[in-house]
Amino acid sequence: MGKNIAIVILVILCGVFFVYAKYNQTIAENARMEAIQNLQLAEEQREMAMQAEEAAKQSEMRAIAALNEAEQQRLKLEEALKKCK
């Protein structure tokens, strides 16, 4: 009889450990999926940052071109003023 009780207790303990192991496995799988999603989000954000950087560079180049054009116009106006005097 004592042997049967020990076997029942052992089976119950095995069941508890099995449930606990499955619970931990589920938590690990969820954490893995969340990590994958975070990596994908980070990659998307990196791509967006690269696009924003490229757009900023293009804007800077357009601003420099506009400044150069304005300087050329200023020089032309100065020349025209000198001719009028």
PDB file of N, CA and C in Angstrom:
ATOM      1  N   MET A   1       0.822  -1.198   0.000  1.00  0.00           N
ATOM      2  CA  MET A   1       0.000   0.000   0.000  1.00  0.00           C
ATOM      3  C   MET A   1       0.863   1.258   0.000  1.00  0.00           C
ATOM      4  N   GLY A   2       1.909   1.258   0.811  1.00  0.00           N
ATOM      5  CA  GLY A   2       2.811   2.409   0.864  1.00  0.00           C
ATOM      6  C   GLY A   2       3.507   2.634  -0.465  1.00  0.00           C
ATOM      7  N   LYS A   3       3.760   1.501  -1.170  1.00  0.00           N
ATOM      8  CA  LYS A   3       4.410   1.595  -2.468  1.00  0.00           C
ATOM      9  C   LYS A   3       3.471   2.273  -3.480  1.00  0.00           C
ATOM     10  N   ASN A   4       2.191   1.953  -3.420  1.00  0.00           N
ATOM     11  CA  ASN A   4       1.208   2.550  -4.324  1.00  0.00           C
ATOM     12  C   ASN A   4       1.075   4.053  -4.083  1.00  0.00           C
ATOM     13  N   ILE A   5       1.086   4.455  -2.823  1.00  0.00           N
ATOM     14  CA  ILE A   5       1.000   5.882  -2.487  1.00  0.00           C
ATOM     15  C   ILE A   5       2.225   6.614  -3.029  1.00  0.00           C
ATOM     16  N   ALA A   6       3.387   6.006  -2.905  1.00  0.00           N
ATOM     17  CA  ALA A   6       4.618   6.626  -3.420  1.00  0.00           C
ATOM     18  C   ALA A   6       4.538   6.771  -4.941  1.00  0.00           C
ATOM     19  N   ILE A   7       4.000   5.775  -5.619  1.00  0.00           N
ATOM     20  CA  ILE A   7       3.867   5.833  -7.083  1.00  0.00           C
ATOM     21  C   ILE A   7       2.884   6.937  -7.481  1.00  0.00           C
ATOM     22  N   VAL A   8       1.767   7.042  -6.780  1.00  0.00           N
ATOM     23  CA  VAL A   8       0.774   8.080  -7.067  1.00  0.00           C
ATOM     24  C   VAL A   8       1.383   9.466  -6.863  1.00  0.00           C
ATOM     25  N   ILE A   9       2.112   9.639  -5.760  1.00  0.00           N
ATOM     26  CA  ILE A   9       2.770  10.926  -5.483  1.00  0.00           C
ATOM     27  C   ILE A   9       3.789  11.227  -6.577  1.00  0.00           C
ATOM     28  N   LEU A  10       4.551  10.229  -6.983  1.00  0.00           N
ATOM     29  CA  LEU A  10       5.547  10.409  -8.044  1.00  0.00           C
ATOM     30  C   LEU A  10       4.871  10.799  -9.364  1.00  0.00           C
ATOM     31  N   VAL A  11       3.766  10.138  -9.699  1.00  0.00           N
ATOM     32  CA  VAL A  11       3.034  10.470 -10.928  1.00  0.00           C
ATOM     33  C   VAL A  11       2.497  11.896 -10.857  1.00  0.00           C
ATOM     34  N   ILE A  12       1.949  12.279  -9.711  1.00  0.00           N
ATOM     35  CA  ILE A  12       1.434  13.647  -9.544  1.00  0.00           C
ATOM     36  C   ILE A  12       2.565  14.661  -9.696  1.00  0.00           C
ATOM     37  N   LEU A  13       3.719  14.386  -9.069  1.00  0.00           N
ATOM     38  CA  LEU A  13       4.862  15.295  -9.187  1.00  0.00           C
ATOM     39  C   LEU A  13       5.344  15.399 -10.626  1.00  0.00           C
ATOM     40  N   CYS A  14       5.377  14.280 -11.327  1.00  0.00           N
ATOM     41  CA  CYS A  14       5.771  14.304 -12.738  1.00  0.00           C
ATOM     42  C   CYS A  14       4.791  15.162 -13.544  1.00  0.00           C
ATOM     43  N   GLY A  15       3.521  15.013 -13.263  1.00  0.00           N
ATOM     44  CA  GLY A  15       2.502  15.821 -13.954  1.00  0.00           C
ATOM     45  C   GLY A  15       2.683  17.303 -13.678  1.00  0.00           C
ATOM     46  N   VAL A  16       2.944  17.641 -12.420  1.00  0.00           N
ATOM     47  CA  VAL A  16       3.160  19.051 -12.054  1.00  0.00           C
ATOM     48  C   VAL A  16       4.386  19.598 -12.778  1.00  0.00           C
ATOM     49  N   PHE A  17       5.483  18.826 -12.801  1.00  0.00           N
ATOM     50  CA  PHE A  17       6.685  19.288 -13.480  1.00  0.00           C
ATOM     51  C   PHE A  17       6.464  19.410 -14.990  1.00  0.00           C
ATOM     52  N   PHE A  18       5.668  18.497 -15.545  1.00  0.00           N
ATOM     53  CA  PHE A  18       5.370  18.558 -16.976  1.00  0.00           C
ATOM     54  C   PHE A  18       4.588  19.833 -17.298  1.00  0.00           C
ATOM     55  N   VAL A  19       3.563  20.130 -16.495  1.00  0.00           N
ATOM     56  CA  VAL A  19       2.763  21.342 -16.698  1.00  0.00           C
ATOM     57  C   VAL A  19       3.642  22.586 -16.551  1.00  0.00           C
ATOM     58  N   TYR A  20       4.511  22.589 -15.553  1.00  0.00           N
ATOM     59  CA  TYR A  20       5.421  23.721 -15.327  1.00  0.00           C
ATOM     60  C   TYR A  20       6.377  23.886 -16.510  1.00  0.00           C
ATOM     61  N   ALA A  21       6.875  22.764 -17.036  1.00  0.00           N
ATOM     62  CA  ALA A  21       7.788  22.827 -18.190  1.00  0.00           C
ATOM     63  C   ALA A  21       7.051  23.359 -19.419  1.00  0.00           C
ATOM     64  N   LYS A  22       5.811  22.922 -19.627  1.00  0.00           N
ATOM     65  CA  LYS A  22       5.033  23.423 -20.758  1.00  0.00           C
ATOM     66  C   LYS A  22       4.765  24.918 -20.609  1.00  0.00           C
ATOM     67  N   TYR A  23       4.461  25.342 -19.393  1.00  0.00           N
ATOM     68  CA  TYR A  23       4.225  26.764 -19.114  1.00  0.00           C
ATOM     69  C   TYR A  23       5.477  27.581 -19.447  1.00  0.00           C
ATOM     70  N   ASN A  24       6.627  27.103 -19.011  1.00  0.00           N
ATOM     71  CA  ASN A  24       7.882  27.803 -19.306  1.00  0.00           C
ATOM     72  C   ASN A  24       8.171  27.814 -20.803  1.00  0.00           C
ATOM     73  N   GLN A  25       7.854  26.722 -21.478  1.00  0.00           N
ATOM     74  CA  GLN A  25       8.059  26.657 -22.927  1.00  0.00           C
ATOM     75  C   GLN A  25       7.179  27.689 -23.625  1.00  0.00           C
ATOM     76  N   THR A  26       5.945  27.809 -23.189  1.00  0.00           N
ATOM     77  CA  THR A  26       5.035  28.784 -23.781  1.00  0.00           C
ATOM     78  C   THR A  26       5.543  30.203 -23.554  1.00  0.00           C
ATOM     79  N   ILE A  27       6.011  30.469 -22.355  1.00  0.00           N
ATOM     80  CA  ILE A  27       6.564  31.796 -22.060  1.00  0.00           C
ATOM     81  C   ILE A  27       7.777  32.068 -22.945  1.00  0.00           C
ATOM     82  N   ALA A  28       8.636  31.083 -23.107  1.00  0.00           N
ATOM     83  CA  ALA A  28       9.827  31.247 -23.949  1.00  0.00           C
ATOM     84  C   ALA A  28       9.441  31.485 -25.409  1.00  0.00           C
ATOM     85  N   GLU A  29       8.448  30.762 -25.904  1.00  0.00           N
ATOM     86  CA  GLU A  29       8.000  30.951 -27.286  1.00  0.00           C
ATOM     87  C   GLU A  29       7.401  32.339 -27.483  1.00  0.00           C
ATOM     88  N   ASN A  30       6.622  32.794 -26.506  1.00  0.00           N
ATOM     89  CA  ASN A  30       6.053  34.137 -26.580  1.00  0.00           C
ATOM     90  C   ASN A  30       7.154  35.202 -26.570  1.00  0.00           C
ATOM     91  N   ALA A  31       8.147  35.006 -25.729  1.00  0.00           N
ATOM     92  CA  ALA A  31       9.265  35.952 -25.672  1.00  0.00           C
ATOM     93  C   ALA A  31      10.032  35.953 -26.989  1.00  0.00           C
ATOM     94  N   ARG A  32      10.190  34.790 -27.573  1.00  0.00           N
ATOM     95  CA  ARG A  32      10.883  34.681 -28.871  1.00  0.00           C
ATOM     96  C   ARG A  32      10.108  35.424 -29.951  1.00  0.00           C
ATOM     97  N   MET A  33       8.801  35.238 -30.002  1.00  0.00           N
ATOM     98  CA  MET A  33       7.974  35.927 -30.991  1.00  0.00           C
ATOM     99  C   MET A  33       8.029  37.442 -30.780  1.00  0.00           C
ATOM    100  N   GLU A  34       7.997  37.859 -29.544  1.00  0.00           N
ATOM    101  CA  GLU A  34       8.087  39.293 -29.251  1.00  0.00           C
ATOM    102  C   GLU A  34       9.443  39.849 -29.682  1.00  0.00           C
ATOM    103  N   ALA A  35      10.497  39.090 -29.462  1.00  0.00           N
ATOM    104  CA  ALA A  35      11.832  39.526 -29.890  1.00  0.00           C
ATOM    105  C   ALA A  35      11.907  39.645 -31.409  1.00  0.00           C
ATOM    106  N   ILE A  36      11.300  38.699 -32.113  1.00  0.00           N
ATOM    107  CA  ILE A  36      11.284  38.765 -33.578  1.00  0.00           C
ATOM    108  C   ILE A  36      10.522  40.004 -34.042  1.00  0.00           C
ATOM    109  N   GLN A  37       9.387  40.276 -33.420  1.00  0.00           N
ATOM    110  CA  GLN A  37       8.610  41.465 -33.778  1.00  0.00           C
ATOM    111  C   GLN A  37       9.404  42.732 -33.488  1.00  0.00           C
ATOM    112  N   ASN A  38      10.110  42.759 -32.366  1.00  0.00           N
ATOM    113  CA  ASN A  38      10.928  43.925 -32.026  1.00  0.00           C
ATOM    114  C   ASN A  38      12.045  44.120 -33.039  1.00  0.00           C
ATOM    115  N   LEU A  39      12.652  43.030 -33.494  1.00  0.00           N
ATOM    116  CA  LEU A  39      13.695  43.126 -34.517  1.00  0.00           C
ATOM    117  C   LEU A  39      13.131  43.662 -35.826  1.00  0.00           C
ATOM    118  N   GLN A  40      11.953  43.189 -36.206  1.00  0.00           N
ATOM    119  CA  GLN A  40      11.328  43.672 -37.435  1.00  0.00           C
ATOM    120  C   GLN A  40      11.000  45.158 -37.325  1.00  0.00           C
ATOM    121  N   LEU A  41      10.480  45.558 -36.172  1.00  0.00           N
ATOM    122  CA  LEU A  41      10.160  46.970 -35.953  1.00  0.00           C
ATOM    123  C   LEU A  41      11.431  47.821 -35.999  1.00  0.00           C
ATOM    124  N   ALA A  42      12.488  47.326 -35.385  1.00  0.00           N
ATOM    125  CA  ALA A  42      13.751  48.058 -35.390  1.00  0.00           C
ATOM    126  C   ALA A  42      14.285  48.198 -36.814  1.00  0.00           C
ATOM    127  N   GLU A  43      14.147  47.160 -37.608  1.00  0.00           N
ATOM    128  CA  GLU A  43      14.604  47.212 -39.001  1.00  0.00           C
ATOM    129  C   GLU A  43      13.787  48.236 -39.791  1.00  0.00           C
ATOM    130  N   GLU A  44      12.483  48.261 -39.568  1.00  0.00           N
ATOM    131  CA  GLU A  44      11.626  49.240 -40.243  1.00  0.00           C
ATOM    132  C   GLU A  44      12.012  50.663 -39.831  1.00  0.00           C
ATOM    133  N   GLN A  45      12.270  50.849 -38.536  1.00  0.00           N
ATOM    134  CA  GLN A  45      12.651  52.173 -38.057  1.00  0.00           C
ATOM    135  C   GLN A  45      14.008  52.590 -38.609  1.00  0.00           C
ATOM    136  N   ARG A  46      14.910  51.643 -38.732  1.00  0.00           N
ATOM    137  CA  ARG A  46      16.227  51.944 -39.301  1.00  0.00           C
ATOM    138  C   ARG A  46      16.078  52.367 -40.754  1.00  0.00           C
ATOM    139  N   GLU A  47      15.227  51.650 -41.479  1.00  0.00           N
ATOM    140  CA  GLU A  47      14.987  51.988 -42.884  1.00  0.00           C
ATOM    141  C   GLU A  47      14.371  53.383 -43.004  1.00  0.00           C
ATOM    142  N   MET A  48      13.420  53.680 -42.130  1.00  0.00           N
ATOM    143  CA  MET A  48      12.796  55.002 -42.155  1.00  0.00           C
ATOM    144  C   MET A  48      13.817  56.089 -41.814  1.00  0.00           C
ATOM    145  N   ALA A  49      14.694  55.812 -40.875  1.00  0.00           N
ATOM    146  CA  ALA A  49      15.727  56.786 -40.514  1.00  0.00           C
ATOM    147  C   ALA A  49      16.676  57.029 -41.677  1.00  0.00           C
ATOM    148  N   MET A  50      17.015  55.971 -42.396  1.00  0.00           N
ATOM    149  CA  MET A  50      17.887  56.126 -43.563  1.00  0.00           C
ATOM    150  C   MET A  50      17.200  56.964 -44.642  1.00  0.00           C
ATOM    151  N   GLN A  51      15.901  56.747 -44.837  1.00  0.00           N
ATOM    152  CA  GLN A  51      15.160  57.540 -45.821  1.00  0.00           C
ATOM    153  C   GLN A  51      15.091  59.006 -45.397  1.00  0.00           C
ATOM    154  N   ALA A  52      14.876  59.232 -44.102  1.00  0.00           N
ATOM    155  CA  ALA A  52      14.824  60.603 -43.595  1.00  0.00           C
ATOM    156  C   ALA A  52      16.176  61.289 -43.757  1.00  0.00           C
ATOM    157  N   GLU A  53      17.245  60.549 -43.511  1.00  0.00           N
ATOM    158  CA  GLU A  53      18.584  61.105 -43.677  1.00  0.00           C
ATOM    159  C   GLU A  53      18.829  61.473 -45.135  1.00  0.00           C
ATOM    160  N   GLU A  54      18.411  60.622 -46.044  1.00  0.00           N
ATOM    161  CA  GLU A  54      18.581  60.903 -47.474  1.00  0.00           C
ATOM    162  C   GLU A  54      17.767  62.142 -47.870  1.00  0.00           C
ATOM    163  N   ALA A  55      16.546  62.233 -47.363  1.00  0.00           N
ATOM    164  CA  ALA A  55      15.709  63.400 -47.662  1.00  0.00           C
ATOM    165  C   ALA A  55      16.344  64.673 -47.112  1.00  0.00           C
ATOM    166  N   ALA A  56      16.927  64.587 -45.925  1.00  0.00           N
ATOM    167  CA  ALA A  56      17.593  65.752 -45.334  1.00  0.00           C
ATOM    168  C   ALA A  56      18.796  66.175 -46.175  1.00  0.00           C
ATOM    169  N   LYS A  57      19.554  65.206 -46.667  1.00  0.00           N
ATOM    170  CA  LYS A  57      20.702  65.524 -47.521  1.00  0.00           C
ATOM    171  C   LYS A  57      20.246  66.221 -48.796  1.00  0.00           C
ATOM    172  N   GLN A  58      19.160  65.720 -49.389  1.00  0.00           N
ATOM    173  CA  GLN A  58      18.642  66.339 -50.609  1.00  0.00           C
ATOM    174  C   GLN A  58      18.148  67.755 -50.342  1.00  0.00           C
ATOM    175  N   SER A  59      17.482  67.943 -49.205  1.00  0.00           N
ATOM    176  CA  SER A  59      17.014  69.279 -48.840  1.00  0.00           C
ATOM    177  C   SER A  59      18.190  70.229 -48.645  1.00  0.00           C
ATOM    178  N   GLU A  60      19.235  69.731 -48.010  1.00  0.00           N
ATOM    179  CA  GLU A  60      20.423  70.555 -47.801  1.00  0.00           C
ATOM    180  C   GLU A  60      21.039  70.952 -49.145  1.00  0.00           C
ATOM    181  N   MET A  61      21.098  69.990 -50.070  1.00  0.00           N
ATOM    182  CA  MET A  61      21.670  70.295 -51.383  1.00  0.00           C
ATOM    183  C   MET A  61      20.809  71.332 -52.117  1.00  0.00           C
ATOM    184  N   ARG A  62      19.485  71.217 -52.014  1.00  0.00           N
ATOM    185  CA  ARG A  62      18.607  72.209 -52.647  1.00  0.00           C
ATOM    186  C   ARG A  62      18.772  73.580 -51.998  1.00  0.00           C
ATOM    187  N   ALA A  63      18.938  73.606 -50.684  1.00  0.00           N
ATOM    188  CA  ALA A  63      19.133  74.879 -49.984  1.00  0.00           C
ATOM    189  C   ALA A  63      20.445  75.534 -50.405  1.00  0.00           C
ATOM    190  N   ILE A  64      21.483  74.740 -50.534  1.00  0.00           N
ATOM    191  CA  ILE A  64      22.777  75.272 -50.986  1.00  0.00           C
ATOM    192  C   ILE A  64      22.656  75.819 -52.397  1.00  0.00           C
ATOM    193  N   ALA A  65      21.962  75.092 -53.261  1.00  0.00           N
ATOM    194  CA  ALA A  65      21.761  75.562 -54.637  1.00  0.00           C
ATOM    195  C   ALA A  65      20.978  76.875 -54.646  1.00  0.00           C
ATOM    196  N   ALA A  66      19.948  76.967 -53.797  1.00  0.00           N
ATOM    197  CA  ALA A  66      19.159  78.200 -53.721  1.00  0.00           C
ATOM    198  C   ALA A  66      20.013  79.355 -53.213  1.00  0.00           C
ATOM    199  N   LEU A  67      20.866  79.099 -52.222  1.00  0.00           N
ATOM    200  CA  LEU A  67      21.766  80.141 -51.723  1.00  0.00           C
ATOM    201  C   LEU A  67      22.736  80.592 -52.804  1.00  0.00           C
ATOM    202  N   ASN A  68      23.274  79.646 -53.549  1.00  0.00           N
ATOM    203  CA  ASN A  68      24.184  79.993 -54.639  1.00  0.00           C
ATOM    204  C   ASN A  68      23.468  80.835 -55.694  1.00  0.00           C
ATOM    205  N   GLU A  69      22.253  80.466 -56.026  1.00  0.00           N
ATOM    206  CA  GLU A  69      21.474  81.231 -57.001  1.00  0.00           C
ATOM    207  C   GLU A  69      21.196  82.642 -56.479  1.00  0.00           C
ATOM    208  N   ALA A  70      20.845  82.725 -55.198  1.00  0.00           N
ATOM    209  CA  ALA A  70      20.592  84.045 -54.606  1.00  0.00           C
ATOM    210  C   ALA A  70      21.859  84.898 -54.636  1.00  0.00           C
ATOM    211  N   GLU A  71      22.989  84.294 -54.364  1.00  0.00           N
ATOM    212  CA  GLU A  71      24.259  85.030 -54.412  1.00  0.00           C
ATOM    213  C   GLU A  71      24.540  85.523 -55.836  1.00  0.00           C
ATOM    214  N   GLN A  72      24.275  84.700 -56.822  1.00  0.00           N
ATOM    215  CA  GLN A  72      24.479  85.104 -58.224  1.00  0.00           C
ATOM    216  C   GLN A  72      23.551  86.270 -58.575  1.00  0.00           C
ATOM    217  N   GLN A  73      22.320  86.192 -58.113  1.00  0.00           N
ATOM    218  CA  GLN A  73      21.368  87.284 -58.371  1.00  0.00           C
ATOM    219  C   GLN A  73      21.832  88.569 -57.690  1.00  0.00           C
ATOM    220  N   ARG A  74      22.353  88.440 -56.484  1.00  0.00           N
ATOM    221  CA  ARG A  74      22.858  89.613 -55.758  1.00  0.00           C
ATOM    222  C   ARG A  74      24.011  90.250 -56.525  1.00  0.00           C
ATOM    223  N   LEU A  75      24.919  89.419 -57.011  1.00  0.00           N
ATOM    224  CA  LEU A  75      26.054  89.949 -57.778  1.00  0.00           C
ATOM    225  C   LEU A  75      25.587  90.643 -59.059  1.00  0.00           C
ATOM    226  N   LYS A  76      24.591  90.078 -59.719  1.00  0.00           N
ATOM    227  CA  LYS A  76      24.061  90.700 -60.932  1.00  0.00           C
ATOM    228  C   LYS A  76      23.433  92.054 -60.615  1.00  0.00           C
ATOM    229  N   LEU A  77      22.700  92.094 -59.505  1.00  0.00           N
ATOM    230  CA  LEU A  77      22.075  93.366 -59.113  1.00  0.00           C
ATOM    231  C   LEU A  77      23.132  94.420 -58.774  1.00  0.00           C
ATOM    232  N   GLU A  78      24.188  94.016 -58.108  1.00  0.00           N
ATOM    233  CA  GLU A  78      25.269  94.953 -57.792  1.00  0.00           C
ATOM    234  C   GLU A  78      25.892  95.492 -59.079  1.00  0.00           C
ATOM    235  N   GLU A  79      26.092  94.617 -60.047  1.00  0.00           N
ATOM    236  CA  GLU A  79      26.648  95.048 -61.334  1.00  0.00           C
ATOM    237  C   GLU A  79      25.711  96.036 -62.018  1.00  0.00           C
ATOM    238  N   ALA A  80      24.414  95.734 -61.966  1.00  0.00           N
ATOM    239  CA  ALA A  80      23.439  96.630 -62.595  1.00  0.00           C
ATOM    240  C   ALA A  80      23.433  97.979 -61.896  1.00  0.00           C
ATOM    241  N   LEU A  81      23.554  98.003 -60.570  1.00  0.00           N
ATOM    242  CA  LEU A  81      23.594  99.266 -59.824  1.00  0.00           C
ATOM    243  C   LEU A  81      24.834 100.075 -60.182  1.00  0.00           C
ATOM    244  N   LYS A  82      25.956  99.386 -60.337  1.00  0.00           N
ATOM    245  CA  LYS A  82      27.194 100.081 -60.696  1.00  0.00           C
ATOM    246  C   LYS A  82      27.058 100.732 -62.073  1.00  0.00           C
ATOM    247  N   LYS A  83      26.381 100.071 -62.985  1.00  0.00           N
ATOM    248  CA  LYS A  83      26.201 100.613 -64.327  1.00  0.00           C
ATOM    249  C   LYS A  83      25.276 101.824 -64.318  1.00  0.00           C
ATOM    250  N   CYS A  84      24.319 101.817 -63.387  1.00  0.00           N
ATOM    251  CA  CYS A  84      23.374 102.940 -63.304  1.00  0.00           C
ATOM    252  C   CYS A  84      24.035 104.193 -62.738  1.00  0.00           C
ATOM    253  N   LYS A  85      25.066 104.049 -61.946  1.00  0.00           N
ATOM    254  CA  LYS A  85      25.710 105.207 -61.313  1.00  0.00           C
ATOM    255  C   LYS A  85      26.604 105.895 -62.226  1.00  0.00           C
TER     256      LYS A  85
END
